[in-house]
């Protein structure tokens, strides 16, 4: 005859092992519907971020072009100023 305490401990151990196995399976393998919806939300967030980044890049490009044009005008003005200064000295 086996000890009843030993039989209870074996049953509790088997139950604990089953719970661990079940929790590992549910963590490792997500449900297909749940996983799809999460990824769908992430894709939308990435698309929004990319759209905002494209808008910022376009604004920066416009700003840079404006600055380059202003620098060209300033160079021309400096060149004219130098010519006027040289003529004034003569």
PDB file of N, CA and C in Angstrom:
ATOM      1  N   UNK A   1       0.825  -1.168   0.000  1.00  0.00           N
ATOM      2  CA  UNK A   1       0.000   0.000   0.000  1.00  0.00           C
ATOM      3  C   UNK A   1       0.884   1.252   0.000  1.00  0.00           C
ATOM      4  N   UNK A   2       0.469   2.250  -0.809  1.00  0.00           N
ATOM      5  CA  UNK A   2       1.257   3.461  -0.886  1.00  0.00           C
ATOM      6  C   UNK A   2       0.756   4.489   0.109  1.00  0.00           C
ATOM      7  N   UNK A   3       1.597   5.378   0.419  1.00  0.00           N
ATOM      8  CA  UNK A   3       1.282   6.449   1.348  1.00  0.00           C
ATOM      9  C   UNK A   3       0.306   7.420   0.671  1.00  0.00           C
ATOM     10  N   UNK A   4      -0.838   7.761   1.293  1.00  0.00           N
ATOM     11  CA  UNK A   4      -1.794   8.680   0.681  1.00  0.00           C
ATOM     12  C   UNK A   4      -1.187  10.078   0.458  1.00  0.00           C
ATOM     13  N   UNK A   5      -0.316  10.469   1.355  1.00  0.00           N
ATOM     14  CA  UNK A   5       0.330  11.765   1.209  1.00  0.00           C
ATOM     15  C   UNK A   5       1.164  11.791  -0.075  1.00  0.00           C
ATOM     16  N   UNK A   6       1.862  10.706  -0.355  1.00  0.00           N
ATOM     17  CA  UNK A   6       2.684  10.597  -1.550  1.00  0.00           C
ATOM     18  C   UNK A   6       1.821  10.664  -2.816  1.00  0.00           C
ATOM     19  N   UNK A   7       0.672  10.018  -2.812  1.00  0.00           N
ATOM     20  CA  UNK A   7      -0.235  10.038  -3.960  1.00  0.00           C
ATOM     21  C   UNK A   7      -0.759  11.463  -4.197  1.00  0.00           C
ATOM     22  N   UNK A   8      -1.090  12.160  -3.108  1.00  0.00           N
ATOM     23  CA  UNK A   8      -1.563  13.541  -3.240  1.00  0.00           C
ATOM     24  C   UNK A   8      -0.466  14.445  -3.808  1.00  0.00           C
ATOM     25  N   UNK A   9       0.752  14.262  -3.344  1.00  0.00           N
ATOM     26  CA  UNK A   9       1.874  15.065  -3.822  1.00  0.00           C
ATOM     27  C   UNK A   9       2.134  14.809  -5.312  1.00  0.00           C
ATOM     28  N   UNK A  10       2.016  13.534  -5.725  1.00  0.00           N
ATOM     29  CA  UNK A  10       2.204  13.209  -7.140  1.00  0.00           C
ATOM     30  C   UNK A  10       1.141  13.904  -7.998  1.00  0.00           C
ATOM     31  N   UNK A  11      -0.097  13.878  -7.517  1.00  0.00           N
ATOM     32  CA  UNK A  11      -1.194  14.509  -8.252  1.00  0.00           C
ATOM     33  C   UNK A  11      -0.983  16.031  -8.341  1.00  0.00           C
ATOM     34  N   UNK A  12      -0.572  16.652  -7.247  1.00  0.00           N
ATOM     35  CA  UNK A  12      -0.300  18.077  -7.248  1.00  0.00           C
ATOM     36  C   UNK A  12       0.853  18.419  -8.201  1.00  0.00           C
ATOM     37  N   UNK A  13       1.883  17.570  -8.219  1.00  0.00           N
ATOM     38  CA  UNK A  13       3.015  17.787  -9.126  1.00  0.00           C
ATOM     39  C   UNK A  13       2.562  17.692 -10.575  1.00  0.00           C
ATOM     40  N   UNK A  14       1.753  16.697 -10.904  1.00  0.00           N
ATOM     41  CA  UNK A  14       1.233  16.561 -12.268  1.00  0.00           C
ATOM     42  C   UNK A  14       0.379  17.773 -12.648  1.00  0.00           C
ATOM     43  N   UNK A  15      -0.429  18.228 -11.715  1.00  0.00           N
ATOM     44  CA  UNK A  15      -1.269  19.390 -11.964  1.00  0.00           C
ATOM     45  C   UNK A  15      -0.404  20.644 -12.211  1.00  0.00           C
ATOM     46  N   UNK A  16       0.622  20.829 -11.408  1.00  0.00           N
ATOM     47  CA  UNK A  16       1.519  21.964 -11.584  1.00  0.00           C
ATOM     48  C   UNK A  16       2.239  21.870 -12.931  1.00  0.00           C
ATOM     49  N   UNK A  17       2.675  20.686 -13.310  1.00  0.00           N
ATOM     50  CA  UNK A  17       3.345  20.503 -14.601  1.00  0.00           C
ATOM     51  C   UNK A  17       2.407  20.836 -15.763  1.00  0.00           C
ATOM     52  N   UNK A  18       1.154  20.411 -15.645  1.00  0.00           N
ATOM     53  CA  UNK A  18       0.168  20.719 -16.685  1.00  0.00           C
ATOM     54  C   UNK A  18      -0.044  22.230 -16.809  1.00  0.00           C
ATOM     55  N   UNK A  19      -0.127  22.913 -15.670  1.00  0.00           N
ATOM     56  CA  UNK A  19      -0.328  24.370 -15.692  1.00  0.00           C
ATOM     57  C   UNK A  19       0.861  25.083 -16.343  1.00  0.00           C
ATOM     58  N   UNK A  20       2.054  24.634 -16.020  1.00  0.00           N
ATOM     59  CA  UNK A  20       3.248  25.235 -16.619  1.00  0.00           C
ATOM     60  C   UNK A  20       3.247  24.993 -18.123  1.00  0.00           C
ATOM     61  N   UNK A  21       2.958  23.775 -18.539  1.00  0.00           N
ATOM     62  CA  UNK A  21       2.927  23.437 -19.955  1.00  0.00           C
ATOM     63  C   UNK A  21       1.864  24.261 -20.679  1.00  0.00           C
ATOM     64  N   UNK A  22       0.679  24.359 -20.091  1.00  0.00           N
ATOM     65  CA  UNK A  22      -0.396  25.126 -20.716  1.00  0.00           C
ATOM     66  C   UNK A  22      -0.015  26.601 -20.829  1.00  0.00           C
ATOM     67  N   UNK A  23       0.574  27.166 -19.773  1.00  0.00           N
ATOM     68  CA  UNK A  23       0.959  28.584 -19.827  1.00  0.00           C
ATOM     69  C   UNK A  23       2.044  28.813 -20.868  1.00  0.00           C
ATOM     70  N   UNK A  24       2.974  27.871 -21.017  1.00  0.00           N
ATOM     71  CA  UNK A  24       4.013  28.003 -22.032  1.00  0.00           C
ATOM     72  C   UNK A  24       3.414  27.939 -23.432  1.00  0.00           C
ATOM     73  N   UNK A  25       2.442  27.071 -23.632  1.00  0.00           N
ATOM     74  CA  UNK A  25       1.818  26.957 -24.952  1.00  0.00           C
ATOM     75  C   UNK A  25       1.027  28.203 -25.310  1.00  0.00           C
ATOM     76  N   UNK A  26       0.319  28.763 -24.342  1.00  0.00           N
ATOM     77  CA  UNK A  26      -0.471  29.948 -24.654  1.00  0.00           C
ATOM     78  C   UNK A  26       0.405  31.163 -24.888  1.00  0.00           C
ATOM     79  N   UNK A  27       1.559  31.224 -24.245  1.00  0.00           N
ATOM     80  CA  UNK A  27       2.470  32.340 -24.467  1.00  0.00           C
ATOM     81  C   UNK A  27       3.182  32.196 -25.794  1.00  0.00           C
ATOM     82  N   UNK A  28       3.648  31.009 -26.107  1.00  0.00           N
ATOM     83  CA  UNK A  28       4.456  30.788 -27.306  1.00  0.00           C
ATOM     84  C   UNK A  28       3.636  30.880 -28.587  1.00  0.00           C
ATOM     85  N   UNK A  29       2.397  30.469 -28.574  1.00  0.00           N
ATOM     86  CA  UNK A  29       1.579  30.442 -29.775  1.00  0.00           C
ATOM     87  C   UNK A  29       0.376  31.358 -29.619  1.00  0.00           C
ATOM     88  N   UNK A  30       0.456  32.600 -30.126  1.00  0.00           N
ATOM     89  CA  UNK A  30      -0.689  33.498 -30.010  1.00  0.00           C
ATOM     90  C   UNK A  30      -1.842  33.055 -30.906  1.00  0.00           C
ATOM     91  N   UNK A  31      -3.012  33.480 -30.556  1.00  0.00           N
ATOM     92  CA  UNK A  31      -4.182  33.166 -31.374  1.00  0.00           C
ATOM     93  C   UNK A  31      -4.083  33.933 -32.691  1.00  0.00           C
ATOM     94  N   UNK A  32      -4.429  33.334 -33.833  1.00  0.00           N
ATOM     95  CA  UNK A  32      -4.274  34.025 -35.139  1.00  0.00           C
ATOM     96  C   UNK A  32      -5.014  35.343 -35.215  1.00  0.00           C
ATOM     97  N   UNK A  33      -6.266  35.430 -34.757  1.00  0.00           N
ATOM     98  CA  UNK A  33      -7.028  36.676 -34.838  1.00  0.00           C
ATOM     99  C   UNK A  33      -6.383  37.766 -33.995  1.00  0.00           C
ATOM    100  N   UNK A  34      -5.966  37.419 -32.803  1.00  0.00           N
ATOM    101  CA  UNK A  34      -5.374  38.385 -31.902  1.00  0.00           C
ATOM    102  C   UNK A  34      -4.072  38.932 -32.481  1.00  0.00           C
ATOM    103  N   UNK A  35      -3.228  38.082 -33.001  1.00  0.00           N
ATOM    104  CA  UNK A  35      -1.958  38.509 -33.570  1.00  0.00           C
ATOM    105  C   UNK A  35      -2.152  39.401 -34.782  1.00  0.00           C
ATOM    106  N   UNK A  36      -3.125  39.095 -35.623  1.00  0.00           N
ATOM    107  CA  UNK A  36      -3.352  39.888 -36.825  1.00  0.00           C
ATOM    108  C   UNK A  36      -3.773  41.305 -36.472  1.00  0.00           C
ATOM    109  N   UNK A  37      -4.673  41.431 -35.507  1.00  0.00           N
ATOM    110  CA  UNK A  37      -5.166  42.756 -35.139  1.00  0.00           C
ATOM    111  C   UNK A  37      -4.061  43.609 -34.540  1.00  0.00           C
ATOM    112  N   UNK A  38      -3.176  43.005 -33.777  1.00  0.00           N
ATOM    113  CA  UNK A  38      -2.073  43.758 -33.193  1.00  0.00           C
ATOM    114  C   UNK A  38      -1.149  44.247 -34.305  1.00  0.00           C
ATOM    115  N   UNK A  39      -0.811  43.369 -35.250  1.00  0.00           N
ATOM    116  CA  UNK A  39       0.075  43.764 -36.344  1.00  0.00           C
ATOM    117  C   UNK A  39      -0.572  44.825 -37.217  1.00  0.00           C
ATOM    118  N   UNK A  40      -1.873  44.703 -37.426  1.00  0.00           N
ATOM    119  CA  UNK A  40      -2.592  45.680 -38.250  1.00  0.00           C
ATOM    120  C   UNK A  40      -2.479  47.071 -37.642  1.00  0.00           C
ATOM    121  N   UNK A  41      -2.629  47.166 -36.333  1.00  0.00           N
ATOM    122  CA  UNK A  41      -2.491  48.449 -35.647  1.00  0.00           C
ATOM    123  C   UNK A  41      -1.084  49.004 -35.761  1.00  0.00           C
ATOM    124  N   UNK A  42      -0.089  48.139 -35.665  1.00  0.00           N
ATOM    125  CA  UNK A  42       1.306  48.586 -35.786  1.00  0.00           C
ATOM    126  C   UNK A  42       1.579  49.105 -37.191  1.00  0.00           C
ATOM    127  N   UNK A  43       1.057  48.426 -38.192  1.00  0.00           N
ATOM    128  CA  UNK A  43       1.270  48.859 -39.569  1.00  0.00           C
ATOM    129  C   UNK A  43       0.662  50.247 -39.779  1.00  0.00           C
ATOM    130  N   UNK A  44      -0.523  50.462 -39.251  1.00  0.00           N
ATOM    131  CA  UNK A  44      -1.147  51.795 -39.371  1.00  0.00           C
ATOM    132  C   UNK A  44      -0.304  52.858 -38.686  1.00  0.00           C
ATOM    133  N   UNK A  45       0.229  52.539 -37.518  1.00  0.00           N
ATOM    134  CA  UNK A  45       1.064  53.502 -36.802  1.00  0.00           C
ATOM    135  C   UNK A  45       2.323  53.821 -37.600  1.00  0.00           C
ATOM    136  N   UNK A  46       2.945  52.790 -38.192  1.00  0.00           N
ATOM    137  CA  UNK A  46       4.137  53.021 -39.014  1.00  0.00           C
ATOM    138  C   UNK A  46       3.810  53.885 -40.228  1.00  0.00           C
ATOM    139  N   UNK A  47       2.670  53.627 -40.858  1.00  0.00           N
ATOM    140  CA  UNK A  47       2.276  54.423 -42.023  1.00  0.00           C
ATOM    141  C   UNK A  47       2.083  55.888 -41.644  1.00  0.00           C
ATOM    142  N   UNK A  48       1.458  56.136 -40.500  1.00  0.00           N
ATOM    143  CA  UNK A  48       1.262  57.514 -40.048  1.00  0.00           C
ATOM    144  C   UNK A  48       2.600  58.199 -39.767  1.00  0.00           C
ATOM    145  N   UNK A  49       3.511  57.472 -39.110  1.00  0.00           N
ATOM    146  CA  UNK A  49       4.825  58.031 -38.819  1.00  0.00           C
ATOM    147  C   UNK A  49       5.570  58.352 -40.110  1.00  0.00           C
ATOM    148  N   UNK A  50       5.519  57.445 -41.086  1.00  0.00           N
ATOM    149  CA  UNK A  50       6.197  57.683 -42.352  1.00  0.00           C
ATOM    150  C   UNK A  50       5.616  58.890 -43.085  1.00  0.00           C
ATOM    151  N   UNK A  51       4.303  59.018 -43.034  1.00  0.00           N
ATOM    152  CA  UNK A  51       3.655  60.167 -43.679  1.00  0.00           C
ATOM    153  C   UNK A  51       4.123  61.471 -43.033  1.00  0.00           C
ATOM    154  N   UNK A  52       4.181  61.503 -41.691  1.00  0.00           N
ATOM    155  CA  UNK A  52       4.660  62.698 -40.993  1.00  0.00           C
ATOM    156  C   UNK A  52       6.116  62.990 -41.332  1.00  0.00           C
ATOM    157  N   UNK A  53       6.933  61.944 -41.411  1.00  0.00           N
ATOM    158  CA  UNK A  53       8.340  62.137 -41.758  1.00  0.00           C
ATOM    159  C   UNK A  53       8.503  62.663 -43.174  1.00  0.00           C
ATOM    160  N   UNK A  54       7.691  62.157 -44.108  1.00  0.00           N
ATOM    161  CA  UNK A  54       7.743  62.656 -45.483  1.00  0.00           C
ATOM    162  C   UNK A  54       7.380  64.141 -45.526  1.00  0.00           C
ATOM    163  N   UNK A  55       6.375  64.541 -44.757  1.00  0.00           N
ATOM    164  CA  UNK A  55       5.981  65.946 -44.712  1.00  0.00           C
ATOM    165  C   UNK A  55       7.107  66.808 -44.136  1.00  0.00           C
ATOM    166  N   UNK A  56       7.757  66.324 -43.076  1.00  0.00           N
ATOM    167  CA  UNK A  56       8.861  67.080 -42.482  1.00  0.00           C
ATOM    168  C   UNK A  56      10.023  67.208 -43.461  1.00  0.00           C
ATOM    169  N   UNK A  57      10.322  66.125 -44.185  1.00  0.00           N
ATOM    170  CA  UNK A  57      11.411  66.166 -45.166  1.00  0.00           C
ATOM    171  C   UNK A  57      11.086  67.162 -46.266  1.00  0.00           C
ATOM    172  N   UNK A  58       9.839  67.183 -46.720  1.00  0.00           N
ATOM    173  CA  UNK A  58       9.439  68.129 -47.759  1.00  0.00           C
ATOM    174  C   UNK A  58       9.585  69.573 -47.260  1.00  0.00           C
ATOM    175  N   UNK A  59       9.189  69.822 -46.014  1.00  0.00           N
ATOM    176  CA  UNK A  59       9.336  71.161 -45.441  1.00  0.00           C
ATOM    177  C   UNK A  59      10.803  71.556 -45.349  1.00  0.00           C
ATOM    178  N   UNK A  60      11.639  70.615 -44.908  1.00  0.00           N
ATOM    179  CA  UNK A  60      13.073  70.896 -44.789  1.00  0.00           C
ATOM    180  C   UNK A  60      13.686  71.170 -46.162  1.00  0.00           C
ATOM    181  N   UNK A  61      13.255  70.425 -47.177  1.00  0.00           N
ATOM    182  CA  UNK A  61      13.778  70.640 -48.532  1.00  0.00           C
ATOM    183  C   UNK A  61      13.401  72.042 -49.037  1.00  0.00           C
ATOM    184  N   UNK A  62      12.158  72.455 -48.786  1.00  0.00           N
ATOM    185  CA  UNK A  62      11.732  73.801 -49.185  1.00  0.00           C
ATOM    186  C   UNK A  62      12.549  74.855 -48.452  1.00  0.00           C
ATOM    187  N   UNK A  63      12.739  74.640 -47.153  1.00  0.00           N
ATOM    188  CA  UNK A  63      13.503  75.586 -46.348  1.00  0.00           C
ATOM    189  C   UNK A  63      14.952  75.669 -46.837  1.00  0.00           C
ATOM    190  N   UNK A  64      15.529  74.530 -47.152  1.00  0.00           N
ATOM    191  CA  UNK A  64      16.912  74.495 -47.641  1.00  0.00           C
ATOM    192  C   UNK A  64      17.030  75.218 -48.985  1.00  0.00           C
ATOM    193  N   UNK A  65      16.082  74.970 -49.875  1.00  0.00           N
ATOM    194  CA  UNK A  65      16.104  75.630 -51.182  1.00  0.00           C
ATOM    195  C   UNK A  65      15.992  77.141 -51.012  1.00  0.00           C
ATOM    196  N   UNK A  66      15.132  77.562 -50.107  1.00  0.00           N
ATOM    197  CA  UNK A  66      14.970  79.001 -49.845  1.00  0.00           C
ATOM    198  C   UNK A  66      16.273  79.584 -49.315  1.00  0.00           C
ATOM    199  N   UNK A  67      16.937  78.861 -48.396  1.00  0.00           N
ATOM    200  CA  UNK A  67      18.196  79.333 -47.851  1.00  0.00           C
ATOM    201  C   UNK A  67      19.287  79.416 -48.911  1.00  0.00           C
ATOM    202  N   UNK A  68      19.343  78.420 -49.792  1.00  0.00           N
ATOM    203  CA  UNK A  68      20.338  78.438 -50.868  1.00  0.00           C
ATOM    204  C   UNK A  68      20.112  79.637 -51.771  1.00  0.00           C
ATOM    205  N   UNK A  69      18.858  79.915 -52.104  1.00  0.00           N
ATOM    206  CA  UNK A  69      18.547  81.089 -52.936  1.00  0.00           C
ATOM    207  C   UNK A  69      18.960  82.386 -52.238  1.00  0.00           C
ATOM    208  N   UNK A  70      18.684  82.482 -50.936  1.00  0.00           N
ATOM    209  CA  UNK A  70      19.066  83.666 -50.176  1.00  0.00           C
ATOM    210  C   UNK A  70      20.592  83.818 -50.126  1.00  0.00           C
ATOM    211  N   UNK A  71      21.302  82.702 -49.986  1.00  0.00           N
ATOM    212  CA  UNK A  71      22.770  82.757 -49.959  1.00  0.00           C
ATOM    213  C   UNK A  71      23.326  83.228 -51.305  1.00  0.00           C
ATOM    214  N   UNK A  72      22.732  82.771 -52.398  1.00  0.00           N
ATOM    215  CA  UNK A  72      23.169  83.229 -53.715  1.00  0.00           C
ATOM    216  C   UNK A  72      22.977  84.741 -53.841  1.00  0.00           C
ATOM    217  N   UNK A  73      21.810  85.214 -53.394  1.00  0.00           N
ATOM    218  CA  UNK A  73      21.540  86.650 -53.453  1.00  0.00           C
ATOM    219  C   UNK A  73      22.521  87.422 -52.579  1.00  0.00           C
ATOM    220  N   UNK A  74      22.831  86.901 -51.397  1.00  0.00           N
ATOM    221  CA  UNK A  74      23.784  87.563 -50.511  1.00  0.00           C
ATOM    222  C   UNK A  74      25.180  87.600 -51.138  1.00  0.00           C
ATOM    223  N   UNK A  75      25.586  86.523 -51.782  1.00  0.00           N
ATOM    224  CA  UNK A  75      26.891  86.503 -52.450  1.00  0.00           C
ATOM    225  C   UNK A  75      26.958  87.579 -53.545  1.00  0.00           C
ATOM    226  N   UNK A  76      25.874  87.692 -54.310  1.00  0.00           N
ATOM    227  CA  UNK A  76      25.825  88.726 -55.352  1.00  0.00           C
ATOM    228  C   UNK A  76      25.898  90.123 -54.735  1.00  0.00           C
ATOM    229  N   UNK A  77      25.169  90.314 -53.629  1.00  0.00           N
ATOM    230  CA  UNK A  77      25.193  91.606 -52.950  1.00  0.00           C
ATOM    231  C   UNK A  77      26.590  91.918 -52.411  1.00  0.00           C
ATOM    232  N   UNK A  78      27.258  90.933 -51.850  1.00  0.00           N
ATOM    233  CA  UNK A  78      28.614  91.134 -51.322  1.00  0.00           C
ATOM    234  C   UNK A  78      29.572  91.470 -52.458  1.00  0.00           C
ATOM    235  N   UNK A  79      29.425  90.768 -53.581  1.00  0.00           N
ATOM    236  CA  UNK A  79      30.273  91.037 -54.735  1.00  0.00           C
ATOM    237  C   UNK A  79      30.081  92.476 -55.223  1.00  0.00           C
ATOM    238  N   UNK A  80      28.823  92.907 -55.310  1.00  0.00           N
ATOM    239  CA  UNK A  80      28.544  94.295 -55.706  1.00  0.00           C
ATOM    240  C   UNK A  80      29.105  95.288 -54.700  1.00  0.00           C
ATOM    241  N   UNK A  81      28.962  94.988 -53.414  1.00  0.00           N
ATOM    242  CA  UNK A  81      29.469  95.863 -52.366  1.00  0.00           C
ATOM    243  C   UNK A  81      30.991  95.995 -52.461  1.00  0.00           C
ATOM    244  N   UNK A  82      31.675  94.872 -52.701  1.00  0.00           N
ATOM    245  CA  UNK A  82      33.131  94.915 -52.864  1.00  0.00           C
ATOM    246  C   UNK A  82      33.521  95.783 -54.052  1.00  0.00           C
ATOM    247  N   UNK A  83      32.804  95.624 -55.161  1.00  0.00           N
ATOM    248  CA  UNK A  83      33.100  96.429 -56.360  1.00  0.00           C
ATOM    249  C   UNK A  83      32.899  97.917 -56.085  1.00  0.00           C
ATOM    250  N   UNK A  84      31.818  98.244 -55.368  1.00  0.00           N
ATOM    251  CA  UNK A  84      31.561  99.638 -55.029  1.00  0.00           C
ATOM    252  C   UNK A  84      32.638 100.194 -54.088  1.00  0.00           C
ATOM    253  N   UNK A  85      33.086  99.377 -53.123  1.00  0.00           N
ATOM    254  CA  UNK A  85      34.122  99.818 -52.208  1.00  0.00           C
ATOM    255  C   UNK A  85      35.439 100.057 -52.943  1.00  0.00           C
ATOM    256  N   UNK A  86      35.766  99.162 -53.862  1.00  0.00           N
ATOM    257  CA  UNK A  86      37.019  99.305 -54.629  1.00  0.00           C
ATOM    258  C   UNK A  86      36.949 100.545 -55.502  1.00  0.00           C
ATOM    259  N   UNK A  87      35.816 100.817 -56.137  1.00  0.00           N
ATOM    260  CA  UNK A  87      35.657 101.998 -56.997  1.00  0.00           C
ATOM    261  C   UNK A  87      35.709 103.283 -56.169  1.00  0.00           C
ATOM    262  N   UNK A  88      35.175 103.226 -54.931  1.00  0.00           N
ATOM    263  CA  UNK A  88      35.170 104.405 -54.064  1.00  0.00           C
ATOM    264  C   UNK A  88      36.558 104.779 -53.610  1.00  0.00           C
ATOM    265  N   UNK A  89      37.448 103.826 -53.475  1.00  0.00           N
ATOM    266  CA  UNK A  89      38.802 104.079 -53.035  1.00  0.00           C
ATOM    267  C   UNK A  89      39.609 104.727 -54.138  1.00  0.00           C
ATOM    268  N   UNK A  90      39.373 104.440 -55.381  1.00  0.00           N
ATOM    269  CA  UNK A  90      40.124 104.948 -56.525  1.00  0.00           C
ATOM    270  C   UNK A  90      39.836 106.365 -56.781  1.00  0.00           C
TER     271      UNK A  90
END
